[in-house]
N, C-alpha and C. Protein backbone atom coordinates (compact mmCIF):
# COMPACT_ATOMS: atom_id res chain seq x y z
N MET A 1 -42.97 224.94 94.98
CA MET A 1 -42.07 226.05 95.22
C MET A 1 -40.79 225.81 94.44
N LYS A 2 -40.20 226.89 93.98
CA LYS A 2 -38.94 226.79 93.24
C LYS A 2 -37.79 226.83 94.24
N THR A 3 -36.85 225.89 94.08
CA THR A 3 -35.73 225.76 95.00
C THR A 3 -34.43 225.72 94.21
N THR A 4 -33.41 226.38 94.74
CA THR A 4 -32.08 226.37 94.14
C THR A 4 -31.13 225.59 95.03
N ILE A 5 -30.38 224.67 94.44
CA ILE A 5 -29.43 223.84 95.17
C ILE A 5 -28.03 224.16 94.66
N ARG A 6 -27.13 224.46 95.58
CA ARG A 6 -25.72 224.70 95.24
C ARG A 6 -24.98 223.37 95.24
N LEU A 7 -24.17 223.16 94.22
CA LEU A 7 -23.38 221.95 94.09
C LEU A 7 -21.90 222.27 94.25
N PHE A 8 -21.17 221.34 94.83
CA PHE A 8 -19.74 221.53 95.08
C PHE A 8 -18.94 220.33 94.59
N ALA A 9 -17.67 220.59 94.26
CA ALA A 9 -16.68 219.57 93.94
C ALA A 9 -17.22 218.57 92.90
N GLN A 10 -17.20 217.29 93.24
CA GLN A 10 -17.56 216.24 92.28
C GLN A 10 -19.02 216.34 91.83
N THR A 11 -19.91 216.76 92.70
CA THR A 11 -21.31 216.90 92.28
C THR A 11 -21.44 217.97 91.20
N ARG A 12 -20.69 219.03 91.34
CA ARG A 12 -20.70 220.10 90.32
C ARG A 12 -20.16 219.57 89.00
N GLN A 13 -19.10 218.78 89.06
CA GLN A 13 -18.51 218.22 87.84
C GLN A 13 -19.48 217.27 87.14
N LEU A 14 -20.12 216.40 87.92
CA LEU A 14 -21.05 215.43 87.32
C LEU A 14 -22.28 216.10 86.72
N ALA A 15 -22.78 217.13 87.38
CA ALA A 15 -23.97 217.82 86.90
C ALA A 15 -23.66 218.84 85.81
N GLY A 16 -22.40 219.26 85.74
CA GLY A 16 -22.02 220.25 84.74
C GLY A 16 -22.45 221.66 85.07
N THR A 17 -22.79 221.90 86.33
CA THR A 17 -23.24 223.22 86.77
C THR A 17 -23.04 223.34 88.28
N ASP A 18 -23.01 224.56 88.78
CA ASP A 18 -22.87 224.74 90.23
C ASP A 18 -24.21 225.06 90.90
N LEU A 19 -25.27 225.22 90.11
CA LEU A 19 -26.62 225.47 90.64
C LEU A 19 -27.65 224.66 89.88
N ILE A 20 -28.58 224.09 90.61
CA ILE A 20 -29.73 223.41 90.00
C ILE A 20 -30.99 224.03 90.57
N GLU A 21 -31.93 224.36 89.70
CA GLU A 21 -33.23 224.86 90.14
C GLU A 21 -34.26 223.76 89.95
N LEU A 22 -35.00 223.47 91.01
CA LEU A 22 -36.02 222.43 90.98
C LEU A 22 -37.34 222.97 91.49
N GLU A 23 -38.40 222.37 91.01
CA GLU A 23 -39.74 222.68 91.52
C GLU A 23 -40.12 221.57 92.50
N LEU A 24 -40.42 221.95 93.74
CA LEU A 24 -40.79 221.01 94.79
C LEU A 24 -42.17 221.34 95.32
N PRO A 25 -42.88 220.34 95.86
CA PRO A 25 -44.16 220.64 96.51
C PRO A 25 -43.94 221.51 97.74
N SER A 26 -44.94 222.23 98.16
CA SER A 26 -44.79 223.16 99.28
C SER A 26 -44.48 222.45 100.60
N ASP A 27 -44.78 221.17 100.71
CA ASP A 27 -44.50 220.43 101.94
C ASP A 27 -43.31 219.48 101.78
N ALA A 28 -42.38 219.81 100.89
CA ALA A 28 -41.25 218.93 100.56
C ALA A 28 -40.28 218.77 101.73
N THR A 29 -39.66 217.59 101.75
CA THR A 29 -38.60 217.29 102.71
C THR A 29 -37.31 217.07 101.94
N VAL A 30 -36.22 216.89 102.66
CA VAL A 30 -34.94 216.60 102.03
C VAL A 30 -35.02 215.29 101.23
N GLY A 31 -35.75 214.31 101.75
CA GLY A 31 -35.93 213.06 101.01
C GLY A 31 -36.63 213.29 99.68
N ASP A 32 -37.63 214.16 99.66
CA ASP A 32 -38.30 214.51 98.41
C ASP A 32 -37.32 215.18 97.46
N LEU A 33 -36.50 216.06 97.99
CA LEU A 33 -35.50 216.76 97.19
C LEU A 33 -34.56 215.75 96.52
N ARG A 34 -34.09 214.76 97.27
CA ARG A 34 -33.21 213.73 96.70
C ARG A 34 -33.89 213.03 95.52
N ARG A 35 -35.14 212.65 95.67
CA ARG A 35 -35.86 211.95 94.60
C ARG A 35 -36.00 212.83 93.36
N VAL A 36 -36.35 214.09 93.55
CA VAL A 36 -36.51 215.00 92.42
C VAL A 36 -35.16 215.25 91.75
N MET A 37 -34.11 215.37 92.55
CA MET A 37 -32.77 215.58 91.97
C MET A 37 -32.36 214.42 91.10
N LEU A 38 -32.66 213.19 91.51
CA LEU A 38 -32.31 212.02 90.71
C LEU A 38 -33.00 212.03 89.35
N SER A 39 -34.26 212.42 89.33
CA SER A 39 -34.95 212.46 88.05
C SER A 39 -34.48 213.63 87.19
N HIS A 40 -34.08 214.72 87.82
CA HIS A 40 -33.61 215.91 87.09
C HIS A 40 -32.17 215.76 86.61
N CYS A 41 -31.35 215.08 87.41
CA CYS A 41 -29.92 214.98 87.10
C CYS A 41 -29.44 213.54 87.37
N PRO A 42 -29.76 212.61 86.48
CA PRO A 42 -29.40 211.21 86.70
C PRO A 42 -27.89 210.96 86.80
N SER A 43 -27.08 211.89 86.34
CA SER A 43 -25.63 211.72 86.44
C SER A 43 -25.16 211.70 87.89
N LEU A 44 -26.00 212.14 88.82
CA LEU A 44 -25.65 212.13 90.25
C LEU A 44 -26.07 210.84 90.96
N ALA A 45 -26.69 209.91 90.24
CA ALA A 45 -27.29 208.72 90.86
C ALA A 45 -26.32 207.93 91.73
N ASP A 46 -25.10 207.72 91.29
CA ASP A 46 -24.15 206.92 92.07
C ASP A 46 -23.63 207.65 93.30
N LEU A 47 -23.55 208.96 93.24
CA LEU A 47 -22.96 209.75 94.33
C LEU A 47 -23.99 210.29 95.33
N LEU A 48 -25.19 210.57 94.87
CA LEU A 48 -26.19 211.24 95.70
C LEU A 48 -26.48 210.53 97.03
N PRO A 49 -26.54 209.20 97.08
CA PRO A 49 -26.81 208.55 98.37
C PRO A 49 -25.74 208.81 99.43
N TYR A 50 -24.55 209.21 99.02
CA TYR A 50 -23.44 209.44 99.94
C TYR A 50 -23.24 210.93 100.27
N CYS A 51 -24.03 211.78 99.64
CA CYS A 51 -23.90 213.22 99.84
C CYS A 51 -24.69 213.67 101.07
N HIS A 52 -24.17 214.71 101.71
CA HIS A 52 -24.92 215.40 102.76
C HIS A 52 -25.68 216.54 102.10
N ILE A 53 -26.80 216.87 102.68
CA ILE A 53 -27.56 218.02 102.22
C ILE A 53 -27.69 218.98 103.39
N ALA A 54 -27.35 220.23 103.15
CA ALA A 54 -27.47 221.26 104.17
C ALA A 54 -28.64 222.16 103.80
N VAL A 55 -29.46 222.46 104.79
CA VAL A 55 -30.59 223.38 104.63
C VAL A 55 -30.34 224.54 105.59
N ASP A 56 -30.20 225.72 105.04
CA ASP A 56 -29.93 226.92 105.84
C ASP A 56 -28.71 226.71 106.74
N THR A 57 -27.63 226.24 106.16
CA THR A 57 -26.29 226.05 106.76
C THR A 57 -26.23 224.96 107.82
N GLU A 58 -27.25 224.11 107.93
CA GLU A 58 -27.25 223.00 108.89
C GLU A 58 -27.43 221.69 108.12
N TYR A 59 -26.61 220.68 108.46
CA TYR A 59 -26.83 219.37 107.86
C TYR A 59 -28.25 218.91 108.17
N ALA A 60 -28.90 218.29 107.18
CA ALA A 60 -30.30 217.92 107.33
C ALA A 60 -30.51 216.46 106.96
N GLY A 61 -31.38 215.79 107.70
CA GLY A 61 -31.79 214.42 107.40
C GLY A 61 -32.92 214.41 106.39
N ASP A 62 -33.26 213.23 105.91
CA ASP A 62 -34.29 213.11 104.88
C ASP A 62 -35.67 213.58 105.33
N THR A 63 -35.93 213.64 106.63
CA THR A 63 -37.24 214.09 107.10
C THR A 63 -37.31 215.60 107.36
N THR A 64 -36.19 216.28 107.19
CA THR A 64 -36.15 217.73 107.42
C THR A 64 -37.00 218.45 106.37
N PRO A 65 -37.92 219.30 106.80
CA PRO A 65 -38.73 220.05 105.83
C PRO A 65 -37.91 221.14 105.14
N ILE A 66 -38.28 221.42 103.92
CA ILE A 66 -37.66 222.50 103.15
C ILE A 66 -38.70 223.59 103.00
N GLU A 67 -38.32 224.78 103.38
CA GLU A 67 -39.23 225.92 103.27
C GLU A 67 -38.83 226.78 102.08
N GLU A 68 -39.78 227.53 101.60
CA GLU A 68 -39.49 228.43 100.49
C GLU A 68 -38.37 229.38 100.90
N ASN A 69 -37.46 229.62 99.99
CA ASN A 69 -36.29 230.48 100.18
C ASN A 69 -35.22 229.87 101.08
N SER A 70 -35.31 228.57 101.39
CA SER A 70 -34.23 227.93 102.14
C SER A 70 -32.98 227.87 101.28
N GLU A 71 -31.84 228.03 101.91
CA GLU A 71 -30.55 227.89 101.23
C GLU A 71 -30.16 226.41 101.32
N ILE A 72 -29.99 225.77 100.16
CA ILE A 72 -29.72 224.34 100.12
C ILE A 72 -28.39 224.08 99.43
N ALA A 73 -27.60 223.18 100.01
CA ALA A 73 -26.31 222.81 99.43
C ALA A 73 -26.19 221.30 99.40
N LEU A 74 -25.66 220.78 98.31
CA LEU A 74 -25.38 219.37 98.14
C LEU A 74 -23.87 219.19 98.34
N ILE A 75 -23.49 218.47 99.39
CA ILE A 75 -22.10 218.36 99.78
C ILE A 75 -21.63 216.93 99.59
N PRO A 76 -20.70 216.71 98.65
CA PRO A 76 -20.24 215.35 98.37
C PRO A 76 -19.35 214.84 99.49
N PRO A 77 -19.16 213.50 99.54
CA PRO A 77 -18.25 212.95 100.54
C PRO A 77 -16.84 213.44 100.29
N VAL A 78 -16.09 213.54 101.37
CA VAL A 78 -14.70 214.02 101.28
C VAL A 78 -13.78 212.83 101.44
N SER A 79 -12.75 212.79 100.62
CA SER A 79 -11.74 211.73 100.77
C SER A 79 -10.37 212.38 100.78
N GLY A 80 -9.42 211.65 101.19
CA GLY A 80 -8.06 212.18 101.22
C GLY A 80 -7.38 211.79 102.51
N GLY A 81 -6.24 212.35 102.71
CA GLY A 81 -5.51 211.92 103.90
C GLY A 81 -4.72 212.98 104.53
């Protein structure tokens, strides 16, 4: 299935785009998405382990399934004071 991931802040800067389209298996999970993203966009390798992934506006763990047409966002860690 084709999936679109929205990128924000530093992830957008590292990837050079605010959207990434990936092809995932029909039974993909968030963990699968992370692995495919690393191969598609290696510039995110250092930051991706610290990012949250939201599926349909809810934070999702690596075992969360991704369904076709799910809204996915890659949310980098926040710093500041």
